[in-house]
Amino acid sequence: MIIKILGSGCKNCGTLAENTKVALEETGVAAEVIKVTDIQEIMAYGVMSTPALVIDEKVVSFGKVLKPREIVKFLETAK
């Protein structure tokens, strides 16, 4: 599984990345987490509001910082 955190590197983007790591630890899911800061690449996903969470090339959330338990739900449906 590949998870991407889309954002400029702001505090919210960092928090989403940390919450994603917590969710991965809780579920035991193995995934590569990639931070994407290039605005062109972010726009290619159709995302206009960051931070955004992409799981296996599917945008599952944008414009808000998800809590770990919210991310767990996305991880479970993506398996």
C-alpha atoms as a PDB file:
ATOM      1  CA  MET A   1       0.000   0.000   0.000  1.00  0.00           C
ATOM      2  CA  ILE A   2       1.240   3.475  -0.864  1.00  0.00           C
ATOM      3  CA  ILE A   3      -0.054   6.452   1.086  1.00  0.00           C
ATOM      4  CA  LYS A   4       0.630  10.009   0.014  1.00  0.00           C
ATOM      5  CA  ILE A   5       0.249  13.137   2.115  1.00  0.00           C
ATOM      6  CA  LEU A   6      -0.341  16.072  -0.216  1.00  0.00           C
ATOM      7  CA  GLY A   7       0.485  19.536   1.056  1.00  0.00           C
ATOM      8  CA  SER A   8       2.898  22.411   1.223  1.00  0.00           C
ATOM      9  CA  GLY A   9       4.647  21.130   4.331  1.00  0.00           C
ATOM     10  CA  CYS A  10       2.543  23.232   6.706  1.00  0.00           C
ATOM     11  CA  LYS A  11       1.722  22.284  10.300  1.00  0.00           C
ATOM     12  CA  ASN A  12      -1.557  20.624   9.269  1.00  0.00           C
ATOM     13  CA  CYS A  13       0.244  18.496   6.683  1.00  0.00           C
ATOM     14  CA  GLY A  14       2.736  17.372   9.324  1.00  0.00           C
ATOM     15  CA  THR A  15      -0.061  16.531  11.735  1.00  0.00           C
ATOM     16  CA  LEU A  16      -1.846  14.461   9.082  1.00  0.00           C
ATOM     17  CA  ALA A  17       1.402  12.575   8.400  1.00  0.00           C
ATOM     18  CA  GLU A  18       1.865  11.845  12.118  1.00  0.00           C
ATOM     19  CA  ASN A  19      -1.767  10.736  12.495  1.00  0.00           C
ATOM     20  CA  THR A  20      -1.320   8.448   9.492  1.00  0.00           C
ATOM     21  CA  LYS A  21       1.704   6.812  11.121  1.00  0.00           C
ATOM     22  CA  VAL A  22      -0.309   6.268  14.319  1.00  0.00           C
ATOM     23  CA  ALA A  23      -3.154   4.684  12.325  1.00  0.00           C
ATOM     24  CA  LEU A  24      -0.716   2.379  10.523  1.00  0.00           C
ATOM     25  CA  GLU A  25       0.795   1.268  13.836  1.00  0.00           C
ATOM     26  CA  GLU A  26      -2.663   0.610  15.306  1.00  0.00           C
ATOM     27  CA  THR A  27      -3.770  -1.511  12.348  1.00  0.00           C
ATOM     28  CA  GLY A  28      -0.460  -3.225  11.606  1.00  0.00           C
ATOM     29  CA  VAL A  29      -0.869  -2.306   7.938  1.00  0.00           C
ATOM     30  CA  ALA A  30       2.395  -2.119   6.006  1.00  0.00           C
ATOM     31  CA  ALA A  31       2.542   0.961   3.832  1.00  0.00           C
ATOM     32  CA  GLU A  32       4.985   3.387   2.328  1.00  0.00           C
ATOM     33  CA  VAL A  33       4.180   6.974   3.327  1.00  0.00           C
ATOM     34  CA  ILE A  34       5.246   9.656   0.855  1.00  0.00           C
ATOM     35  CA  LYS A  35       4.988  13.397   1.403  1.00  0.00           C
ATOM     36  CA  VAL A  36       4.153  15.289  -1.797  1.00  0.00           C
ATOM     37  CA  THR A  37       4.870  19.026  -1.725  1.00  0.00           C
ATOM     38  CA  ASP A  38       5.086  19.790  -5.455  1.00  0.00           C
ATOM     39  CA  ILE A  39       2.078  21.966  -6.320  1.00  0.00           C
ATOM     40  CA  GLN A  40       1.854  20.579  -9.868  1.00  0.00           C
ATOM     41  CA  GLU A  41       1.706  17.010  -8.595  1.00  0.00           C
ATOM     42  CA  ILE A  42      -0.900  17.977  -5.973  1.00  0.00           C
ATOM     43  CA  MET A  43      -3.037  19.670  -8.616  1.00  0.00           C
ATOM     44  CA  ALA A  44      -2.785  16.569 -10.813  1.00  0.00           C
ATOM     45  CA  TYR A  45      -4.908  14.813  -8.166  1.00  0.00           C
ATOM     46  CA  GLY A  46      -7.545  17.536  -8.500  1.00  0.00           C
ATOM     47  CA  VAL A  47      -6.891  18.669  -4.941  1.00  0.00           C
ATOM     48  CA  MET A  48      -7.404  22.376  -4.310  1.00  0.00           C
ATOM     49  CA  SER A  49      -7.373  22.261  -0.508  1.00  0.00           C
ATOM     50  CA  THR A  50      -4.624  20.639   1.556  1.00  0.00           C
ATOM     51  CA  PRO A  51      -3.715  18.599   3.442  1.00  0.00           C
ATOM     52  CA  ALA A  52      -4.946  15.636   1.437  1.00  0.00           C
ATOM     53  CA  LEU A  53      -4.648  11.899   1.974  1.00  0.00           C
ATOM     54  CA  VAL A  54      -4.189   9.561  -0.993  1.00  0.00           C
ATOM     55  CA  ILE A  55      -4.290   5.779  -0.576  1.00  0.00           C
ATOM     56  CA  ASP A  56      -3.150   3.714  -3.555  1.00  0.00           C
ATOM     57  CA  GLU A  57      -3.660   6.686  -5.915  1.00  0.00           C
ATOM     58  CA  LYS A  58      -7.213   7.386  -4.675  1.00  0.00           C
ATOM     59  CA  VAL A  59      -7.878  10.709  -2.917  1.00  0.00           C
ATOM     60  CA  VAL A  60      -9.796   9.785   0.238  1.00  0.00           C
ATOM     61  CA  SER A  61      -9.713  13.125   2.063  1.00  0.00           C
ATOM     62  CA  PHE A  62      -8.703  16.717   1.484  1.00  0.00           C
ATOM     63  CA  GLY A  63      -8.934  20.040   3.280  1.00  0.00           C
ATOM     64  CA  LYS A  64      -8.869  18.663   6.812  1.00  0.00           C
ATOM     65  CA  VAL A  65      -6.633  16.946   9.320  1.00  0.00           C
ATOM     66  CA  LEU A  66      -8.005  13.467   9.941  1.00  0.00           C
ATOM     67  CA  LYS A  67      -7.729  11.871  13.359  1.00  0.00           C
ATOM     68  CA  PRO A  68      -6.001   8.467  13.525  1.00  0.00           C
ATOM     69  CA  ARG A  69      -9.324   6.605  14.008  1.00  0.00           C
ATOM     70  CA  GLU A  70     -10.699   8.247  10.839  1.00  0.00           C
ATOM     71  CA  ILE A  71      -7.626   7.148   8.900  1.00  0.00           C
ATOM     72  CA  VAL A  72      -8.014   3.601  10.250  1.00  0.00           C
ATOM     73  CA  LYS A  73     -11.441   3.400   8.568  1.00  0.00           C
ATOM     74  CA  PHE A  74      -9.908   4.339   5.208  1.00  0.00           C
ATOM     75  CA  LEU A  75      -7.097   1.804   5.707  1.00  0.00           C
ATOM     76  CA  GLU A  76      -9.566  -0.980   6.459  1.00  0.00           C
ATOM     77  CA  THR A  77     -11.621  -0.318   3.322  1.00  0.00           C
ATOM     78  CA  ALA A  78      -8.478  -0.008   1.165  1.00  0.00           C
ATOM     79  CA  LYS A  79      -7.078  -3.432   2.073  1.00  0.00           C
END
